């Protein structure tokens, strides 16, 4: 008589590999250090003009000028409406 093959062996190997992968990824995440707050003496570096969100002020003015030229209207980029009366 032939011995019967165990068909659940590949599933067991897959489960072991999955558990090992989860353990490896969770061990890699455990070494994350908390973010330290910005100290008072470090705030000068964050106040540099390069750190502005909108970028270069002259470039922003040029972009606004091009936008208003294409739209054939001025305003509308601030608070309120564009002057059409549909506030």
PDB file of N, CA and C in Angstrom:
ATOM      1  N   UNK A   1       0.817  -1.176   0.000  1.00  0.00           N
ATOM      2  CA  UNK A   1       0.000   0.000   0.000  1.00  0.00           C
ATOM      3  C   UNK A   1       0.866   1.247   0.000  1.00  0.00           C
ATOM      4  N   UNK A   2       0.368   2.230  -0.735  1.00  0.00           N
ATOM      5  CA  UNK A   2       1.080   3.495  -0.800  1.00  0.00           C
ATOM      6  C   UNK A   2       0.718   4.380   0.374  1.00  0.00           C
ATOM      7  N   UNK A   3       1.703   5.064   0.945  1.00  0.00           N
ATOM      8  CA  UNK A   3       1.345   6.001   2.034  1.00  0.00           C
ATOM      9  C   UNK A   3       0.621   7.217   1.453  1.00  0.00           C
ATOM     10  N   UNK A   4      -0.315   7.656   2.182  1.00  0.00           N
ATOM     11  CA  UNK A   4      -1.124   8.794   1.730  1.00  0.00           C
ATOM     12  C   UNK A   4      -0.381  10.095   2.021  1.00  0.00           C
ATOM     13  N   UNK A   5      -0.352  11.007   1.049  1.00  0.00           N
ATOM     14  CA  UNK A   5       0.318  12.294   1.235  1.00  0.00           C
ATOM     15  C   UNK A   5      -0.546  13.227   2.070  1.00  0.00           C
ATOM     16  N   UNK A   6       0.095  13.950   2.914  1.00  0.00           N
ATOM     17  CA  UNK A   6      -0.609  14.908   3.746  1.00  0.00           C
ATOM     18  C   UNK A   6      -0.781  16.196   2.934  1.00  0.00           C
ATOM     19  N   UNK A   7      -1.999  16.513   2.577  1.00  0.00           N
ATOM     20  CA  UNK A   7      -2.256  17.683   1.737  1.00  0.00           C
ATOM     21  C   UNK A   7      -2.257  18.981   2.540  1.00  0.00           C
ATOM     22  N   UNK A   8      -2.235  18.950   3.839  1.00  0.00           N
ATOM     23  CA  UNK A   8      -2.247  20.167   4.643  1.00  0.00           C
ATOM     24  C   UNK A   8      -0.828  20.673   4.931  1.00  0.00           C
ATOM     25  N   UNK A   9       0.186  19.965   4.481  1.00  0.00           N
ATOM     26  CA  UNK A   9       1.557  20.401   4.722  1.00  0.00           C
ATOM     27  C   UNK A   9       1.859  21.746   4.054  1.00  0.00           C
ATOM     28  N   UNK A  10       1.466  22.012   2.787  1.00  0.00           N
ATOM     29  CA  UNK A  10       1.723  23.328   2.204  1.00  0.00           C
ATOM     30  C   UNK A  10       1.004  24.443   2.946  1.00  0.00           C
ATOM     31  N   UNK A  11      -0.173  24.155   3.457  1.00  0.00           N
ATOM     32  CA  UNK A  11      -0.901  25.174   4.220  1.00  0.00           C
ATOM     33  C   UNK A  11      -0.186  25.479   5.527  1.00  0.00           C
ATOM     34  N   UNK A  12       0.385  24.456   6.165  1.00  0.00           N
ATOM     35  CA  UNK A  12       1.117  24.680   7.407  1.00  0.00           C
ATOM     36  C   UNK A  12       2.383  25.489   7.147  1.00  0.00           C
ATOM     37  N   UNK A  13       3.069  25.191   6.047  1.00  0.00           N
ATOM     38  CA  UNK A  13       4.283  25.936   5.707  1.00  0.00           C
ATOM     39  C   UNK A  13       3.925  27.388   5.412  1.00  0.00           C
ATOM     40  N   UNK A  14       2.832  27.611   4.705  1.00  0.00           N
ATOM     41  CA  UNK A  14       2.388  28.965   4.397  1.00  0.00           C
ATOM     42  C   UNK A  14       2.046  29.736   5.673  1.00  0.00           C
ATOM     43  N   UNK A  15       1.408  29.065   6.627  1.00  0.00           N
ATOM     44  CA  UNK A  15       1.068  29.709   7.893  1.00  0.00           C
ATOM     45  C   UNK A  15       2.321  30.083   8.672  1.00  0.00           C
ATOM     46  N   UNK A  16       3.325  29.205   8.662  1.00  0.00           N
ATOM     47  CA  UNK A  16       4.581  29.499   9.371  1.00  0.00           C
ATOM     48  C   UNK A  16       5.286  30.689   8.730  1.00  0.00           C
ATOM     49  N   UNK A  17       5.301  30.740   7.405  1.00  0.00           N
ATOM     50  CA  UNK A  17       5.932  31.859   6.700  1.00  0.00           C
ATOM     51  C   UNK A  17       5.182  33.156   6.985  1.00  0.00           C
ATOM     52  N   UNK A  18       3.861  33.101   7.028  1.00  0.00           N
ATOM     53  CA  UNK A  18       3.070  34.293   7.314  1.00  0.00           C
ATOM     54  C   UNK A  18       3.332  34.806   8.730  1.00  0.00           C
ATOM     55  N   UNK A  19       3.397  33.905   9.700  1.00  0.00           N
ATOM     56  CA  UNK A  19       3.680  34.304  11.079  1.00  0.00           C
ATOM     57  C   UNK A  19       5.081  34.902  11.180  1.00  0.00           C
ATOM     58  N   UNK A  20       6.052  34.305  10.482  1.00  0.00           N
ATOM     59  CA  UNK A  20       7.416  34.838  10.502  1.00  0.00           C
ATOM     60  C   UNK A  20       7.473  36.220   9.874  1.00  0.00           C
ATOM     61  N   UNK A  21       6.715  36.447   8.803  1.00  0.00           N
ATOM     62  CA  UNK A  21       6.696  37.753   8.151  1.00  0.00           C
ATOM     63  C   UNK A  21       6.078  38.815   9.059  1.00  0.00           C
ATOM     64  N   UNK A  22       5.003  38.459   9.741  1.00  0.00           N
ATOM     65  CA  UNK A  22       4.370  39.399  10.665  1.00  0.00           C
ATOM     66  C   UNK A  22       5.313  39.733  11.816  1.00  0.00           C
ATOM     67  N   UNK A  23       6.009  38.748  12.337  1.00  0.00           N
ATOM     68  CA  UNK A  23       6.960  38.990  13.430  1.00  0.00           C
ATOM     69  C   UNK A  23       8.107  39.881  12.965  1.00  0.00           C
ATOM     70  N   UNK A  24       8.602  39.657  11.755  1.00  0.00           N
ATOM     71  CA  UNK A  24       9.713  40.457  11.246  1.00  0.00           C
ATOM     72  C   UNK A  24       9.299  41.907  11.034  1.00  0.00           C
ATOM     73  N   UNK A  25       8.112  42.137  10.489  1.00  0.00           N
ATOM     74  CA  UNK A  25       7.684  43.514  10.263  1.00  0.00           C
ATOM     75  C   UNK A  25       7.338  44.224  11.562  1.00  0.00           C
ATOM     76  N   UNK A  26       6.766  43.516  12.503  1.00  0.00           N
ATOM     77  CA  UNK A  26       6.462  44.169  13.779  1.00  0.00           C
ATOM     78  C   UNK A  26       7.730  44.449  14.572  1.00  0.00           C
ATOM     79  N   UNK A  27       8.755  43.633  14.431  1.00  0.00           N
ATOM     80  CA  UNK A  27      10.021  43.908  15.108  1.00  0.00           C
ATOM     81  C   UNK A  27      10.704  45.122  14.497  1.00  0.00           C
ATOM     82  N   UNK A  28      10.533  45.332  13.213  1.00  0.00           N
ATOM     83  CA  UNK A  28      11.108  46.510  12.568  1.00  0.00           C
ATOM     84  C   UNK A  28      10.415  47.788  12.978  1.00  0.00           C
ATOM     85  N   UNK A  29       9.137  47.721  13.297  1.00  0.00           N
ATOM     86  CA  UNK A  29       8.393  48.908  13.703  1.00  0.00           C
ATOM     87  C   UNK A  29       8.598  49.257  15.174  1.00  0.00           C
ATOM     88  N   UNK A  30       9.130  48.364  15.941  1.00  0.00           N
ATOM     89  CA  UNK A  30       9.256  48.627  17.373  1.00  0.00           C
ATOM     90  C   UNK A  30      10.404  49.563  17.702  1.00  0.00           C
ATOM     91  N   UNK A  31      11.305  49.812  16.756  1.00  0.00           N
ATOM     92  CA  UNK A  31      12.461  50.660  17.032  1.00  0.00           C
ATOM     93  C   UNK A  31      12.218  52.119  16.676  1.00  0.00           C
ATOM     94  N   UNK A  32      10.983  52.501  16.376  1.00  0.00           N
ATOM     95  CA  UNK A  32      10.685  53.884  16.014  1.00  0.00           C
ATOM     96  C   UNK A  32      10.735  54.747  17.267  1.00  0.00           C
ATOM     97  N   UNK A  33      11.502  55.829  17.193  1.00  0.00           N
ATOM     98  CA  UNK A  33      11.591  56.739  18.327  1.00  0.00           C
ATOM     99  C   UNK A  33      10.542  57.832  18.165  1.00  0.00           C
ATOM    100  N   UNK A  34      10.022  58.359  19.254  1.00  0.00           N
ATOM    101  CA  UNK A  34       9.013  59.412  19.149  1.00  0.00           C
ATOM    102  C   UNK A  34       9.629  60.701  18.597  1.00  0.00           C
ATOM    103  N   UNK A  35       8.784  61.510  17.957  1.00  0.00           N
ATOM    104  CA  UNK A  35       9.239  62.770  17.389  1.00  0.00           C
ATOM    105  C   UNK A  35       9.441  63.762  18.517  1.00  0.00           C
ATOM    106  N   UNK A  36      10.620  64.377  18.526  1.00  0.00           N
ATOM    107  CA  UNK A  36      10.887  65.348  19.592  1.00  0.00           C
ATOM    108  C   UNK A  36      10.346  66.705  19.183  1.00  0.00           C
ATOM    109  N   UNK A  37       9.883  67.491  20.124  1.00  0.00           N
ATOM    110  CA  UNK A  37       9.362  68.819  19.783  1.00  0.00           C
ATOM    111  C   UNK A  37      10.495  69.739  19.349  1.00  0.00           C
ATOM    112  N   UNK A  38      10.136  70.753  18.575  1.00  0.00           N
ATOM    113  CA  UNK A  38      11.122  71.721  18.105  1.00  0.00           C
ATOM    114  C   UNK A  38      11.533  72.588  19.282  1.00  0.00           C
ATOM    115  N   UNK A  39      12.824  72.670  19.500  1.00  0.00           N
ATOM    116  CA  UNK A  39      13.343  73.476  20.600  1.00  0.00           C
ATOM    117  C   UNK A  39      13.377  74.959  20.200  1.00  0.00           C
ATOM    118  N   UNK A  40      13.477  75.845  21.178  1.00  0.00           N
ATOM    119  CA  UNK A  40      13.439  77.284  20.925  1.00  0.00           C
ATOM    120  C   UNK A  40      14.598  77.729  20.037  1.00  0.00           C
ATOM    121  N   UNK A  41      15.766  77.154  20.198  1.00  0.00           N
ATOM    122  CA  UNK A  41      16.925  77.570  19.406  1.00  0.00           C
ATOM    123  C   UNK A  41      16.898  77.007  17.986  1.00  0.00           C
ATOM    124  N   UNK A  42      15.990  76.055  17.718  1.00  0.00           N
ATOM    125  CA  UNK A  42      15.861  75.488  16.383  1.00  0.00           C
ATOM    126  C   UNK A  42      14.820  76.211  15.533  1.00  0.00           C
ATOM    127  N   UNK A  43      14.041  77.091  16.140  1.00  0.00           N
ATOM    128  CA  UNK A  43      12.962  77.753  15.422  1.00  0.00           C
ATOM    129  C   UNK A  43      13.468  78.787  14.434  1.00  0.00           C
ATOM    130  N   UNK A  44      14.689  79.264  14.601  1.00  0.00           N
ATOM    131  CA  UNK A  44      15.261  80.212  13.657  1.00  0.00           C
ATOM    132  C   UNK A  44      15.464  79.592  12.288  1.00  0.00           C
ATOM    133  N   UNK A  45      15.799  78.308  12.236  1.00  0.00           N
ATOM    134  CA  UNK A  45      15.986  77.620  10.955  1.00  0.00           C
ATOM    135  C   UNK A  45      14.661  77.437  10.235  1.00  0.00           C
ATOM    136  N   UNK A  46      13.572  77.293  10.992  1.00  0.00           N
ATOM    137  CA  UNK A  46      12.261  77.116  10.375  1.00  0.00           C
ATOM    138  C   UNK A  46      11.675  78.432   9.888  1.00  0.00           C
ATOM    139  N   UNK A  47      12.204  79.568  10.355  1.00  0.00           N
ATOM    140  CA  UNK A  47      11.683  80.878   9.969  1.00  0.00           C
ATOM    141  C   UNK A  47      12.374  81.428   8.730  1.00  0.00           C
ATOM    142  N   UNK A  48      13.227  80.661   8.089  1.00  0.00           N
ATOM    143  CA  UNK A  48      13.925  81.125   6.892  1.00  0.00           C
ATOM    144  C   UNK A  48      12.940  81.268   5.736  1.00  0.00           C
ATOM    145  N   UNK A  49      13.219  82.156   4.785  1.00  0.00           N
ATOM    146  CA  UNK A  49      12.308  82.339   3.639  1.00  0.00           C
ATOM    147  C   UNK A  49      12.133  81.083   2.807  1.00  0.00           C
ATOM    148  N   UNK A  50      13.114  80.195   2.801  1.00  0.00           N
ATOM    149  CA  UNK A  50      12.995  78.959   2.020  1.00  0.00           C
ATOM    150  C   UNK A  50      11.925  78.030   2.577  1.00  0.00           C
ATOM    151  N   UNK A  51      11.544  78.223   3.837  1.00  0.00           N
ATOM    152  CA  UNK A  51      10.603  77.328   4.487  1.00  0.00           C
ATOM    153  C   UNK A  51       9.144  77.769   4.343  1.00  0.00           C
ATOM    154  N   UNK A  52       8.882  78.833   3.569  1.00  0.00           N
ATOM    155  CA  UNK A  52       7.515  79.289   3.372  1.00  0.00           C
ATOM    156  C   UNK A  52       6.715  78.256   2.591  1.00  0.00           C
ATOM    157  N   UNK A  53       5.448  78.140   2.899  1.00  0.00           N
ATOM    158  CA  UNK A  53       4.597  77.176   2.217  1.00  0.00           C
ATOM    159  C   UNK A  53       4.333  77.607   0.782  1.00  0.00           C
ATOM    160  N   UNK A  54       4.072  78.907   0.586  1.00  0.00           N
ATOM    161  CA  UNK A  54       3.724  79.359  -0.753  1.00  0.00           C
ATOM    162  C   UNK A  54       4.936  79.581  -1.639  1.00  0.00           C
ATOM    163  N   UNK A  55       6.125  79.438  -1.132  1.00  0.00           N
ATOM    164  CA  UNK A  55       7.332  79.565  -1.945  1.00  0.00           C
ATOM    165  C   UNK A  55       7.782  81.007  -2.065  1.00  0.00           C
ATOM    166  N   UNK A  56       8.376  81.329  -3.198  1.00  0.00           N
ATOM    167  CA  UNK A  56       8.918  82.654  -3.443  1.00  0.00           C
ATOM    168  C   UNK A  56       7.777  83.651  -3.614  1.00  0.00           C
ATOM    169  N   UNK A  57       7.864  84.790  -2.923  1.00  0.00           N
ATOM    170  CA  UNK A  57       6.799  85.781  -2.989  1.00  0.00           C
ATOM    171  C   UNK A  57       6.709  86.420  -4.368  1.00  0.00           C
ATOM    172  N   UNK A  58       7.856  86.651  -5.016  1.00  0.00           N
ATOM    173  CA  UNK A  58       7.843  87.231  -6.355  1.00  0.00           C
ATOM    174  C   UNK A  58       7.208  86.268  -7.363  1.00  0.00           C
ATOM    175  N   UNK A  59       7.503  84.991  -7.210  1.00  0.00           N
ATOM    176  CA  UNK A  59       6.894  83.990  -8.086  1.00  0.00           C
ATOM    177  C   UNK A  59       5.383  83.908  -7.861  1.00  0.00           C
ATOM    178  N   UNK A  60       4.945  84.078  -6.626  1.00  0.00           N
ATOM    179  CA  UNK A  60       3.520  84.072  -6.312  1.00  0.00           C
ATOM    180  C   UNK A  60       2.826  85.264  -6.962  1.00  0.00           C
ATOM    181  N   UNK A  61       3.482  86.427  -6.934  1.00  0.00           N
ATOM    182  CA  UNK A  61       2.907  87.613  -7.575  1.00  0.00           C
ATOM    183  C   UNK A  61       2.806  87.419  -9.076  1.00  0.00           C
ATOM    184  N   UNK A  62       3.824  86.816  -9.693  1.00  0.00           N
ATOM    185  CA  UNK A  62       3.780  86.535 -11.128  1.00  0.00           C
ATOM    186  C   UNK A  62       2.651  85.558 -11.447  1.00  0.00           C
ATOM    187  N   UNK A  63       2.488  84.546 -10.641  1.00  0.00           N
ATOM    188  CA  UNK A  63       1.417  83.570 -10.877  1.00  0.00           C
ATOM    189  C   UNK A  63       0.046  84.219 -10.755  1.00  0.00           C
ATOM    190  N   UNK A  64      -0.120  85.098  -9.752  1.00  0.00           N
ATOM    191  CA  UNK A  64      -1.385  85.814  -9.608  1.00  0.00           C
ATOM    192  C   UNK A  64      -1.642  86.729 -10.793  1.00  0.00           C
ATOM    193  N   UNK A  65      -0.600  87.380 -11.289  1.00  0.00           N
ATOM    194  CA  UNK A  65      -0.748  88.263 -12.441  1.00  0.00           C
ATOM    195  C   UNK A  65      -1.167  87.468 -13.680  1.00  0.00           C
ATOM    196  N   UNK A  66      -0.548  86.324 -13.897  1.00  0.00           N
ATOM    197  CA  UNK A  66      -0.897  85.492 -15.042  1.00  0.00           C
ATOM    198  C   UNK A  66      -2.323  84.972 -14.908  1.00  0.00           C
ATOM    199  N   UNK A  67      -2.716  84.584 -13.689  1.00  0.00           N
ATOM    200  CA  UNK A  67      -4.070  84.076 -13.468  1.00  0.00           C
ATOM    201  C   UNK A  67      -5.103  85.149 -13.779  1.00  0.00           C
ATOM    202  N   UNK A  68      -4.884  86.374 -13.264  1.00  0.00           N
ATOM    203  CA  UNK A  68      -5.858  87.441 -13.502  1.00  0.00           C
ATOM    204  C   UNK A  68      -5.867  87.862 -14.962  1.00  0.00           C
ATOM    205  N   UNK A  69      -4.733  87.761 -15.645  1.00  0.00           N
ATOM    206  CA  UNK A  69      -4.706  88.088 -17.069  1.00  0.00           C
ATOM    207  C   UNK A  69      -5.489  87.068 -17.884  1.00  0.00           C
ATOM    208  N   UNK A  70      -5.379  85.807 -17.533  1.00  0.00           N
ATOM    209  CA  UNK A  70      -6.104  84.766 -18.264  1.00  0.00           C
ATOM    210  C   UNK A  70      -7.600  84.805 -17.973  1.00  0.00           C
ATOM    211  N   UNK A  71      -7.968  85.145 -16.756  1.00  0.00           N
ATOM    212  CA  UNK A  71      -9.369  85.163 -16.380  1.00  0.00           C
ATOM    213  C   UNK A  71     -10.052  86.466 -16.764  1.00  0.00           C
ATOM    214  N   UNK A  72      -9.277  87.485 -17.155  1.00  0.00           N
ATOM    215  CA  UNK A  72      -9.798  88.801 -17.545  1.00  0.00           C
ATOM    216  C   UNK A  72     -10.577  89.445 -16.411  1.00  0.00           C
ATOM    217  N   UNK A  73     -10.151  89.210 -15.190  1.00  0.00           N
ATOM    218  CA  UNK A  73     -10.766  89.827 -14.026  1.00  0.00           C
ATOM    219  C   UNK A  73      -9.727  89.887 -12.928  1.00  0.00           C
ATOM    220  N   UNK A  74      -9.914  90.809 -12.016  1.00  0.00           N
ATOM    221  CA  UNK A  74      -8.987  90.885 -10.902  1.00  0.00           C
ATOM    222  C   UNK A  74      -9.720  90.487  -9.634  1.00  0.00           C
ATOM    223  N   UNK A  75      -8.982  90.005  -8.684  1.00  0.00           N
ATOM    224  CA  UNK A  75      -9.577  89.576  -7.433  1.00  0.00           C
ATOM    225  C   UNK A  75     -10.083  88.149  -7.533  1.00  0.00           C
ATOM    226  N   UNK A  76     -10.817  87.741  -6.545  1.00  0.00           N
ATOM    227  CA  UNK A  76     -11.373  86.394  -6.546  1.00  0.00           C
ATOM    228  C   UNK A  76     -10.452  85.367  -5.940  1.00  0.00           C
ATOM    229  N   UNK A  77      -9.201  85.738  -5.702  1.00  0.00           N
ATOM    230  CA  UNK A  77      -8.293  84.772  -5.110  1.00  0.00           C
ATOM    231  C   UNK A  77      -8.263  84.863  -3.596  1.00  0.00           C
ATOM    232  N   UNK A  78      -8.927  85.865  -3.041  1.00  0.00           N
ATOM    233  CA  UNK A  78      -8.968  86.037  -1.599  1.00  0.00           C
ATOM    234  C   UNK A  78     -10.273  85.536  -1.016  1.00  0.00           C
ATOM    235  N   UNK A  79     -10.684  86.146   0.075  1.00  0.00           N
ATOM    236  CA  UNK A  79     -11.925  85.773   0.756  1.00  0.00           C
ATOM    237  C   UNK A  79     -13.092  86.474   0.064  1.00  0.00           C
ATOM    238  N   UNK A  80     -14.232  85.868   0.069  1.00  0.00           N
ATOM    239  CA  UNK A  80     -15.399  86.472  -0.556  1.00  0.00           C
ATOM    240  C   UNK A  80     -15.650  85.855  -1.909  1.00  0.00           C
ATOM    241  N   UNK A  81     -15.990  86.689  -2.852  1.00  0.00           N
ATOM    242  CA  UNK A  81     -16.292  86.199  -4.192  1.00  0.00           C
ATOM    243  C   UNK A  81     -15.458  86.913  -5.226  1.00  0.00           C
ATOM    244  N   UNK A  82     -15.733  86.645  -6.452  1.00  0.00           N
ATOM    245  CA  UNK A  82     -14.984  87.230  -7.543  1.00  0.00           C
ATOM    246  C   UNK A  82     -15.578  88.524  -8.061  1.00  0.00           C
ATOM    247  N   UNK A  83     -16.581  89.070  -7.398  1.00  0.00           N
ATOM    248  CA  UNK A  83     -17.201  90.309  -7.855  1.00  0.00           C
ATOM    249  C   UNK A  83     -18.407  90.079  -8.727  1.00  0.00           C
ATOM    250  N   UNK A  84     -18.857  88.866  -8.866  1.00  0.00           N
ATOM    251  CA  UNK A  84     -19.998  88.588  -9.744  1.00  0.00           C
ATOM    252  C   UNK A  84     -21.319  88.742  -9.002  1.00  0.00           C
ATOM    253  N   UNK A  85     -21.286  88.972  -7.696  1.00  0.00           N
ATOM    254  CA  UNK A  85     -22.510  89.151  -6.937  1.00  0.00           C
ATOM    255  C   UNK A  85     -23.121  87.864  -6.436  1.00  0.00           C
ATOM    256  N   UNK A  86     -22.412  86.759  -6.571  1.00  0.00           N
ATOM    257  CA  UNK A  86     -22.966  85.472  -6.144  1.00  0.00           C
ATOM    258  C   UNK A  86     -22.281  84.975  -4.883  1.00  0.00           C
ATOM    259  N   UNK A  87     -22.096  85.861  -3.935  1.00  0.00           N
ATOM    260  CA  UNK A  87     -21.416  85.475  -2.686  1.00  0.00           C
ATOM    261  C   UNK A  87     -22.298  84.523  -1.986  1.00  0.00           C
TER     262      UNK A  87
END
